[in-house]
Amino acid sequence: MLIPEVVRTEVSEATHLYPFLTQILDADWIKTDRSDDVELIVAHARYTARLASGRKNLGECGVLALAEVRHQIAIIDDRVAREAGEEYGVEIKGTLALMCDGIRQGMLTVPLVSRIADDLLATEYRLPLRPGQFESWARDEGWI
């Protein structure tokens, strides 16, 4: 998995509130793209002009720019950011969809993803369900 440097910075800055996030920084399967090529800078500037407010949404801007330029799938949950990416042809997938893919492929389990969803909700992450509801929600949606 490739993440833009701005996302790595956001995660790093949040570790004092959520120490478990250090696992993301230490994961050997997550690589940080520190590119400074013009195409990436231009795409990032375009998304920043549209989505950013101060430091808010900079991670989404970085993810969208990286996905657009590198022809990757962007994992984005924010509706406005998703719409912006889709306008530029970026393939978008949400966090829950990604985790449900993992369940269907046998890489993740329902109990594990349920705990992850609950942990995300505990950090004020917005999901279309409440704690303890992942399995019923995912089955109702036909995702698992």
Protein backbone atom coordinates (compact mmCIF):
# COMPACT_ATOMS: atom_id res chain seq x y z
CA MET A 1 0.00 0.00 0.00
CA LEU A 2 1.27 3.42 -0.92
CA ILE A 3 0.42 6.52 1.11
CA PRO A 4 1.39 10.13 0.50
CA GLU A 5 3.76 11.78 2.92
CA VAL A 6 1.01 14.10 4.15
CA VAL A 7 -0.96 11.07 5.40
CA ARG A 8 2.10 9.67 7.15
CA THR A 9 2.50 13.06 8.85
CA GLU A 10 -1.16 13.13 9.92
CA VAL A 11 -0.91 9.63 11.36
CA SER A 12 2.32 10.47 13.14
CA GLU A 13 0.80 13.59 14.69
CA ALA A 14 -2.19 11.59 15.96
CA THR A 15 -0.18 8.88 17.73
CA HIS A 16 -0.15 10.81 21.00
CA LEU A 17 -3.96 10.54 21.08
CA TYR A 18 -4.18 7.07 19.53
CA PRO A 19 -0.98 5.13 20.27
CA PHE A 20 -2.14 2.12 18.22
CA LEU A 21 -1.56 4.22 15.09
CA THR A 22 2.17 3.58 15.43
CA GLN A 23 1.41 0.18 13.89
CA ILE A 24 0.65 1.98 10.63
CA LEU A 25 3.95 3.82 10.74
CA ASP A 26 5.83 0.60 11.47
CA ALA A 27 4.05 -1.67 8.96
CA ASP A 28 6.47 -2.89 6.32
CA TRP A 29 3.66 -3.29 3.77
CA ILE A 30 2.83 0.43 3.88
CA LYS A 31 5.19 2.58 1.85
CA THR A 32 5.33 6.36 1.84
CA ASP A 33 5.49 8.18 -1.48
CA ARG A 34 7.75 11.18 -1.06
CA SER A 35 7.73 12.10 -4.75
CA ASP A 36 8.01 15.66 -5.84
CA ASP A 37 7.35 15.26 -9.54
CA VAL A 38 5.47 18.06 -11.24
CA GLU A 39 2.42 16.01 -12.20
CA LEU A 40 1.87 14.99 -8.58
CA ILE A 41 2.38 18.54 -7.31
CA VAL A 42 -0.10 19.93 -9.84
CA ALA A 43 -2.73 17.32 -8.97
CA HIS A 44 -2.22 17.92 -5.25
CA ALA A 45 -2.56 21.68 -5.73
CA ARG A 46 -5.80 21.18 -7.66
CA TYR A 47 -7.32 19.04 -4.92
CA THR A 48 -6.01 21.35 -2.20
CA ALA A 49 -7.62 24.38 -3.84
CA ARG A 50 -10.93 22.54 -3.91
CA LEU A 51 -10.97 20.60 -0.66
CA ALA A 52 -8.52 21.95 1.89
CA SER A 53 -9.27 24.42 4.62
CA GLY A 54 -6.13 25.14 6.58
CA ARG A 55 -4.78 21.69 7.39
CA LYS A 56 -8.17 20.04 7.09
CA ASN A 57 -8.49 17.53 4.23
CA LEU A 58 -4.81 17.66 3.26
CA GLY A 59 -4.59 13.89 3.65
CA GLU A 60 -7.51 13.39 1.29
CA CYS A 61 -5.87 15.76 -1.20
CA GLY A 62 -2.64 13.78 -1.04
CA VAL A 63 -4.41 10.44 -1.45
CA LEU A 64 -6.42 11.66 -4.43
CA ALA A 65 -3.41 13.21 -6.15
CA LEU A 66 -1.32 10.10 -5.63
CA ALA A 67 -4.09 7.79 -6.85
CA GLU A 68 -4.73 9.95 -9.90
CA VAL A 69 -1.10 10.27 -10.96
CA ARG A 70 -0.04 6.69 -10.09
CA HIS A 71 -3.30 5.14 -11.40
CA GLN A 72 -4.10 3.55 -8.06
CA ILE A 73 -7.30 3.13 -6.06
CA ALA A 74 -7.90 5.87 -3.49
CA ILE A 75 -9.22 4.76 -0.12
CA ILE A 76 -11.37 7.73 0.85
CA ASP A 77 -14.47 7.96 3.01
CA ASP A 78 -15.16 11.69 2.86
CA ARG A 79 -18.07 12.24 0.45
CA VAL A 80 -16.89 15.58 -0.96
CA ALA A 81 -13.37 14.24 -1.51
CA ARG A 82 -14.77 11.13 -3.18
CA GLU A 83 -16.79 13.28 -5.57
CA ALA A 84 -13.75 15.41 -6.40
CA GLY A 85 -11.66 12.34 -7.17
CA GLU A 86 -14.37 10.76 -9.28
CA GLU A 87 -14.55 13.93 -11.39
CA TYR A 88 -10.92 13.35 -12.34
CA GLY A 89 -11.38 9.65 -13.01
CA VAL A 90 -9.89 8.38 -9.76
CA GLU A 91 -11.16 4.98 -8.70
CA ILE A 92 -12.44 5.33 -5.14
CA LYS A 93 -13.06 2.73 -2.48
CA GLY A 94 -14.19 3.31 1.09
CA THR A 95 -12.58 1.85 4.19
CA LEU A 96 -15.48 -0.49 4.91
CA ALA A 97 -15.57 -1.73 1.32
CA LEU A 98 -11.85 -2.45 1.51
CA MET A 99 -12.25 -4.40 4.73
CA CYS A 100 -15.23 -6.32 3.35
CA ASP A 101 -13.09 -7.25 0.34
CA GLY A 102 -10.58 -8.61 2.83
CA ILE A 103 -13.28 -10.68 4.52
CA ARG A 104 -14.51 -12.11 1.22
CA GLN A 105 -10.94 -12.97 0.22
CA GLY A 106 -10.31 -14.72 3.54
CA MET A 107 -7.63 -12.25 4.62
CA LEU A 108 -9.73 -10.73 7.42
CA THR A 109 -12.45 -12.05 9.69
CA VAL A 110 -15.80 -10.53 10.58
CA PRO A 111 -14.89 -10.31 14.29
CA LEU A 112 -11.62 -8.54 13.46
CA VAL A 113 -13.26 -6.02 11.15
CA SER A 114 -16.03 -5.49 13.70
CA ARG A 115 -13.39 -4.56 16.28
CA ILE A 116 -11.61 -2.30 13.79
CA ALA A 117 -14.88 -0.55 12.92
CA ASP A 118 -15.63 -0.05 16.62
CA ASP A 119 -12.10 1.29 17.19
CA LEU A 120 -12.53 3.72 14.30
CA LEU A 121 -15.85 4.90 15.69
CA ALA A 122 -14.18 5.47 19.07
CA THR A 123 -11.84 7.95 17.37
CA GLU A 124 -14.80 9.96 16.03
CA TYR A 125 -14.31 8.44 12.58
CA ARG A 126 -17.61 8.63 10.76
CA LEU A 127 -19.07 5.38 9.48
CA PRO A 128 -22.64 4.52 8.48
CA LEU A 129 -23.11 2.32 11.53
CA ARG A 130 -22.84 2.37 15.30
CA PRO A 131 -20.50 0.36 17.51
CA GLY A 132 -21.32 -3.34 17.48
CA GLN A 133 -23.29 -3.11 14.23
CA PHE A 134 -20.67 -3.90 11.60
CA GLU A 135 -21.72 -7.48 10.86
CA SER A 136 -25.44 -6.77 10.57
CA TRP A 137 -24.77 -3.62 8.54
CA ALA A 138 -22.40 -5.41 6.14
CA ARG A 139 -24.82 -8.31 5.66
CA ASP A 140 -27.74 -5.92 5.08
CA GLU A 141 -25.65 -4.09 2.47
CA GLY A 142 -24.72 -7.38 0.81
CA TRP A 143 -21.00 -6.77 1.32
CA ILE A 144 -20.31 -10.01 3.20
